[in-house]
Protein backbone atom coordinates (compact mmCIF):
# COMPACT_ATOMS: atom_id res chain seq x y z
CA UNK A 1 -59.03 42.37 -11.01
CA UNK A 2 -57.87 44.29 -14.07
CA UNK A 3 -59.45 41.84 -16.54
CA UNK A 4 -56.71 41.30 -19.10
CA UNK A 5 -53.34 40.22 -17.68
CA UNK A 6 -50.17 40.34 -19.75
CA UNK A 7 -48.06 37.34 -18.76
CA UNK A 8 -44.41 36.95 -19.68
CA UNK A 9 -42.05 34.02 -19.23
CA UNK A 10 -38.54 35.44 -19.71
CA UNK A 11 -36.35 32.51 -20.76
CA UNK A 12 -32.96 33.87 -19.73
CA UNK A 13 -29.60 32.12 -19.21
CA UNK A 14 -28.25 32.47 -15.66
CA UNK A 15 -24.66 31.44 -14.93
CA UNK A 16 -23.99 29.01 -12.11
CA UNK A 17 -22.24 30.69 -9.19
CA UNK A 18 -22.42 34.23 -10.61
CA UNK A 19 -24.70 35.93 -8.11
CA UNK A 20 -23.79 39.47 -9.18
CA UNK A 21 -24.24 38.79 -12.89
CA UNK A 22 -27.48 36.91 -12.35
CA UNK A 23 -28.94 39.71 -10.24
CA UNK A 24 -28.16 42.09 -13.10
CA UNK A 25 -29.90 39.66 -15.45
CA UNK A 26 -32.94 39.67 -13.16
CA UNK A 27 -33.18 43.46 -12.83
CA UNK A 28 -32.78 43.92 -16.59
CA UNK A 29 -35.63 41.45 -17.21
CA UNK A 30 -37.82 43.35 -14.74
CA UNK A 31 -37.12 46.66 -16.44
CA UNK A 32 -37.94 45.17 -19.86
CA UNK A 33 -41.20 43.87 -18.44
CA UNK A 34 -42.11 47.26 -17.01
CA UNK A 35 -41.32 48.93 -20.33
CA UNK A 36 -43.66 46.45 -22.06
CA UNK A 37 -46.41 46.81 -19.45
CA UNK A 38 -46.21 43.20 -18.35
CA UNK A 39 -48.50 42.35 -15.44
CA UNK A 40 -47.03 39.01 -14.36
CA UNK A 41 -43.36 38.31 -15.04
CA UNK A 42 -42.10 34.76 -14.47
CA UNK A 43 -38.39 33.95 -14.51
CA UNK A 44 -36.64 30.57 -14.31
CA UNK A 45 -35.95 28.36 -11.33
CA UNK A 46 -32.78 29.40 -9.44
CA UNK A 47 -32.31 32.37 -11.77
CA UNK A 48 -30.16 34.20 -9.21
CA UNK A 49 -27.73 31.34 -8.68
CA UNK A 50 -27.67 28.92 -11.59
CA UNK A 51 -28.55 25.26 -11.20
CA UNK A 52 -25.82 22.67 -11.83
CA UNK A 53 -23.95 22.90 -8.54
CA UNK A 54 -21.00 20.64 -7.82
CA UNK A 55 -22.06 20.33 -4.20
CA UNK A 56 -24.04 21.96 -1.41
CA UNK A 57 -21.17 24.22 -0.39
CA UNK A 58 -21.11 25.84 -3.83
CA UNK A 59 -24.85 26.55 -3.64
CA UNK A 60 -24.49 27.99 -0.14
CA UNK A 61 -22.04 30.60 -1.45
CA UNK A 62 -24.72 32.12 -3.71
CA UNK A 63 -27.70 31.58 -1.41
CA UNK A 64 -29.48 34.59 0.11
CA UNK A 65 -32.05 35.11 2.83
CA UNK A 66 -35.43 36.75 2.27
CA UNK A 67 -34.03 39.81 4.08
CA UNK A 68 -31.45 40.35 1.32
CA UNK A 69 -31.51 43.91 -0.10
CA UNK A 70 -32.24 42.55 -3.58
CA UNK A 71 -35.89 42.07 -2.64
CA UNK A 72 -36.25 45.65 -1.44
CA UNK A 73 -34.57 46.90 -4.61
CA UNK A 74 -37.00 44.91 -6.74
CA UNK A 75 -39.97 46.27 -4.81
CA UNK A 76 -38.64 49.78 -5.29
CA UNK A 77 -38.31 49.19 -9.05
CA UNK A 78 -41.97 48.11 -9.09
CA UNK A 79 -43.17 51.25 -7.26
CA UNK A 80 -46.27 52.76 -8.82
CA UNK A 81 -47.11 49.58 -10.76
CA UNK A 82 -49.21 46.48 -10.16
CA UNK A 83 -46.64 44.20 -11.79
CA UNK A 84 -45.98 40.86 -10.10
CA UNK A 85 -42.50 39.31 -10.41
CA UNK A 86 -41.94 35.62 -9.71
CA UNK A 87 -38.42 34.18 -9.73
CA UNK A 88 -36.35 31.34 -8.35
CA UNK A 89 -33.46 31.77 -5.91
CA UNK A 90 -31.26 29.68 -3.63
CA UNK A 91 -32.51 30.49 -0.13
CA UNK A 92 -30.47 30.25 3.04
CA UNK A 93 -32.58 29.67 6.15
CA UNK A 94 -30.26 29.08 9.08
CA UNK A 95 -28.57 25.75 8.43
CA UNK A 96 -31.12 24.81 5.79
CA UNK A 97 -30.82 25.47 2.06
CA UNK A 98 -33.85 25.64 -0.22
CA UNK A 99 -34.66 25.83 -3.90
CA UNK A 100 -37.15 28.66 -3.49
CA UNK A 101 -39.37 31.03 -5.43
CA UNK A 102 -40.32 34.57 -4.41
CA UNK A 103 -43.40 36.54 -5.41
CA UNK A 104 -42.60 40.25 -5.29
CA UNK A 105 -44.74 43.35 -5.84
CA UNK A 106 -44.25 47.03 -5.11
CA UNK A 107 -45.08 46.46 -1.42
CA UNK A 108 -42.38 43.82 -1.04
CA UNK A 109 -42.22 40.04 -0.86
CA UNK A 110 -45.74 38.64 -0.97
CA UNK A 111 -44.79 34.97 -0.65
CA UNK A 112 -41.86 32.56 -0.69
CA UNK A 113 -42.33 28.93 -1.69
CA UNK A 114 -39.72 26.26 -1.01
CA UNK A 115 -39.72 23.48 -3.58
CA UNK A 116 -41.13 20.33 -2.02
CA UNK A 117 -40.26 17.77 -4.72
CA UNK A 118 -36.53 17.79 -5.44
CA UNK A 119 -35.25 16.40 -8.73
CA UNK A 120 -32.20 14.12 -9.10
CA UNK A 121 -29.02 15.73 -7.69
CA UNK A 122 -31.03 18.54 -6.10
CA UNK A 123 -31.52 16.04 -3.28
CA UNK A 124 -27.77 16.27 -2.59
CA UNK A 125 -27.80 20.08 -2.46
CA UNK A 126 -31.11 21.34 -1.09
CA UNK A 127 -33.49 20.58 1.76
CA UNK A 128 -37.07 19.96 0.62
CA UNK A 129 -39.73 22.45 1.64
CA UNK A 130 -42.44 21.28 4.01
CA UNK A 131 -45.20 23.81 3.36
CA UNK A 132 -48.04 23.78 0.86
CA UNK A 133 -47.65 26.05 -2.17
CA UNK A 134 -48.95 29.59 -1.60
CA UNK A 135 -51.81 31.41 -3.27
CA UNK A 136 -51.32 35.16 -3.70
CA UNK A 137 -54.16 37.59 -4.35
CA UNK A 138 -53.07 40.18 -6.90
CA UNK A 139 -54.77 42.76 -9.14
CA UNK A 140 -54.28 40.23 -11.95
CA UNK A 141 -55.93 37.26 -10.28
CA UNK A 142 -55.12 34.64 -7.68
CA UNK A 143 -51.67 33.29 -8.42
CA UNK A 144 -50.37 29.94 -7.18
CA UNK A 145 -46.72 28.92 -7.22
CA UNK A 146 -44.98 25.63 -8.00
CA UNK A 147 -41.42 24.78 -9.06
CA UNK A 148 -40.44 22.47 -11.94
CA UNK A 149 -40.71 18.83 -10.71
CA UNK A 150 -43.66 19.77 -8.46
CA UNK A 151 -45.76 19.81 -11.64
CA UNK A 152 -45.22 16.06 -12.10
CA UNK A 153 -47.43 15.41 -9.08
CA UNK A 154 -51.11 16.01 -9.94
CA UNK A 155 -51.94 16.76 -6.32
CA UNK A 156 -49.92 19.98 -6.44
CA UNK A 157 -51.83 21.95 -9.11
CA UNK A 158 -55.04 20.39 -7.77
CA UNK A 159 -54.32 21.85 -4.31
CA UNK A 160 -53.98 25.29 -5.85
CA UNK A 161 -57.09 24.91 -8.01
CA UNK A 162 -59.16 23.87 -4.99
CA UNK A 163 -57.83 26.91 -3.11
CA UNK A 164 -59.08 29.18 -5.92
CA UNK A 165 -56.05 29.75 -8.17
CA UNK A 166 -56.67 31.44 -11.50
CA UNK A 167 -53.07 31.15 -12.67
CA UNK A 168 -50.31 28.77 -11.61
CA UNK A 169 -46.78 30.04 -12.28
CA UNK A 170 -43.94 27.54 -12.50
CA UNK A 171 -40.29 28.64 -12.64
CA UNK A 172 -38.43 25.66 -14.12
CA UNK A 173 -35.12 24.27 -15.33
CA UNK A 174 -36.19 21.47 -17.69
CA UNK A 175 -33.14 19.38 -18.73
CA UNK A 176 -33.14 18.17 -22.32
CA UNK A 177 -34.47 14.65 -22.82
CA UNK A 178 -35.38 12.56 -25.84
CA UNK A 179 -38.92 12.91 -27.14
CA UNK A 180 -40.78 12.14 -30.38
CA UNK A 181 -40.39 14.99 -32.85
CA UNK A 182 -44.15 15.05 -33.43
CA UNK A 183 -44.83 15.96 -29.78
CA UNK A 184 -43.98 18.75 -27.40
CA UNK A 185 -41.68 17.82 -24.53
CA UNK A 186 -43.31 15.78 -21.76
CA UNK A 187 -43.11 18.64 -19.24
CA UNK A 188 -45.27 20.84 -21.47
CA UNK A 189 -47.74 18.01 -21.97
CA UNK A 190 -47.93 17.65 -18.18
CA UNK A 191 -48.67 21.38 -17.87
CA UNK A 192 -51.41 21.09 -20.50
CA UNK A 193 -52.97 18.16 -18.64
CA UNK A 194 -52.82 19.98 -15.30
CA UNK A 195 -54.38 23.11 -16.78
CA UNK A 196 -57.20 21.14 -18.39
CA UNK A 197 -58.06 18.92 -15.43
CA UNK A 198 -58.06 21.87 -13.02
CA UNK A 199 -59.43 24.61 -15.24
CA UNK A 200 -56.53 26.99 -14.52
CA UNK A 201 -54.03 28.97 -16.56
CA UNK A 202 -50.43 27.74 -16.20
CA UNK A 203 -47.26 29.66 -17.08
CA UNK A 204 -43.99 27.70 -17.03
CA UNK A 205 -40.74 29.63 -17.47
CA UNK A 206 -37.83 27.45 -18.59
CA UNK A 207 -34.23 28.64 -18.93
CA UNK A 208 -31.70 28.78 -21.77
CA UNK A 209 -27.94 28.40 -22.09
CA UNK A 210 -25.65 25.44 -21.44
CA UNK A 211 -24.48 24.93 -17.88
CA UNK A 212 -21.60 22.52 -17.19
CA UNK A 213 -22.59 20.45 -20.19
CA UNK A 214 -26.31 20.47 -19.38
CA UNK A 215 -28.71 21.78 -22.01
CA UNK A 216 -32.34 22.70 -21.39
CA UNK A 217 -35.61 22.16 -23.22
CA UNK A 218 -35.99 25.94 -23.62
CA UNK A 219 -39.71 25.25 -23.70
CA UNK A 220 -41.32 28.15 -21.83
CA UNK A 221 -45.07 27.98 -22.28
CA UNK A 222 -48.38 29.54 -21.28
CA UNK A 223 -51.41 27.24 -21.26
CA UNK A 224 -55.03 28.35 -21.01
CA UNK A 225 -57.71 26.95 -18.70
CA UNK A 226 -58.77 24.41 -21.32
CA UNK A 227 -55.27 22.97 -21.65
CA UNK A 228 -54.38 24.64 -24.95
CA UNK A 229 -51.01 26.28 -25.52
CA UNK A 230 -51.56 29.99 -26.12
CA UNK A 231 -47.89 31.03 -26.28
CA UNK A 232 -44.61 29.14 -26.31
CA UNK A 233 -40.92 29.48 -27.07
CA UNK A 234 -39.98 28.30 -30.54
CA UNK A 235 -37.77 25.18 -30.53
CA UNK A 236 -34.15 26.20 -30.28
CA UNK A 237 -35.03 29.86 -29.65
CA UNK A 238 -32.57 30.13 -26.76
CA UNK A 239 -32.85 33.31 -24.74
CA UNK A 240 -36.29 34.70 -25.52
CA UNK A 241 -39.46 36.04 -23.94
CA UNK A 242 -42.88 34.45 -24.27
CA UNK A 243 -45.60 37.07 -23.78
CA UNK A 244 -49.38 36.76 -24.06
CA UNK A 245 -52.52 38.55 -22.84
CA UNK A 246 -55.09 36.37 -21.06
CA UNK A 247 -58.20 36.75 -18.90
CA UNK A 248 -57.34 34.92 -15.63
CA UNK A 249 -60.88 35.29 -14.24
CA UNK A 250 -62.11 32.86 -16.90
CA UNK A 251 -60.52 30.13 -14.76
CA UNK A 252 -63.25 30.65 -12.17
CA UNK A 253 -65.78 28.96 -14.43
CA UNK A 254 -65.07 25.24 -14.05
CA UNK A 255 -68.01 24.03 -16.12
CA UNK A 256 -67.12 21.52 -18.82
CA UNK A 257 -70.66 20.97 -20.10
CA UNK A 258 -74.11 22.20 -19.06
CA UNK A 259 -74.09 19.37 -16.52
CA UNK A 260 -70.46 19.06 -15.47
CA UNK A 261 -67.84 20.94 -13.44
CA UNK A 262 -64.16 20.03 -13.05
CA UNK A 263 -64.16 20.51 -9.30
CA UNK A 264 -67.76 19.83 -8.24
CA UNK A 265 -67.72 16.47 -10.07
CA UNK A 266 -64.91 15.21 -7.88
CA UNK A 267 -65.69 12.32 -5.49
CA UNK A 268 -62.96 12.52 -2.83
CA UNK A 269 -64.46 9.80 -0.60
CA UNK A 270 -64.29 7.38 -3.53
CA UNK A 271 -60.65 8.17 -4.21
CA UNK A 272 -59.72 7.18 -0.66
CA UNK A 273 -61.13 3.66 -1.00
CA UNK A 274 -58.91 0.65 -1.44
CA UNK A 275 -58.79 -0.60 -5.00
CA UNK A 276 -60.30 -4.12 -5.19
CA UNK A 277 -58.12 -6.78 -6.74
CA UNK A 278 -59.94 -9.48 -8.70
């Protein structure tokens, strides 16, 4: 590992249905990251396609396979670097259609994850993935991948933590919802809780812009292994980049006191017992 890793969540505004324009948006973000010596670049969920589809047929028109030339072009742009790029795309796999995320480095596509927990109308457009989230060994630590609503299920970041993740990256599209002004949005609070209870860094990249009347939280955030926010988008910032230097290897120390450890203190056999009702 390189020690320090510069993480960036690039909160851009893709346009639904504009594959060509969104690919230009993606490549521009990658070039900016390379210019700024970013080690791990995270972009939003479905950044290549947009999100608010009218129906499945519209999503299919901007879906690509993992053999699409865009992945080779990205790898070529990363040549001679150790930069990791993580971004969401609509994936066509035969007759199936997935809300997917790719992890790309200079040697090509390292992993593709198909979102397993679909949110709201996504269930009318996409097929859920059936595989566990991947863990990718990189020069900047072991990186696990989730997508948006996956984070609402504690088992998902726990799976990655148990597998040895240092950093969990989460491309998201968080729709605006009401929340108390004194608090961060609930999705960020969930990321903080997951980071703390698993002792991992978490980087969530939200999106900006208004899409068919839908606004977004615009709440990109990086959380450290103790659950503290170390970088975040300012409220109402719109299109912006959240960048911070962290030490991912610190996540490998799960001790919470001289006598406690987040993972070793688990009692899985207990959790499988039936809860007694008095």
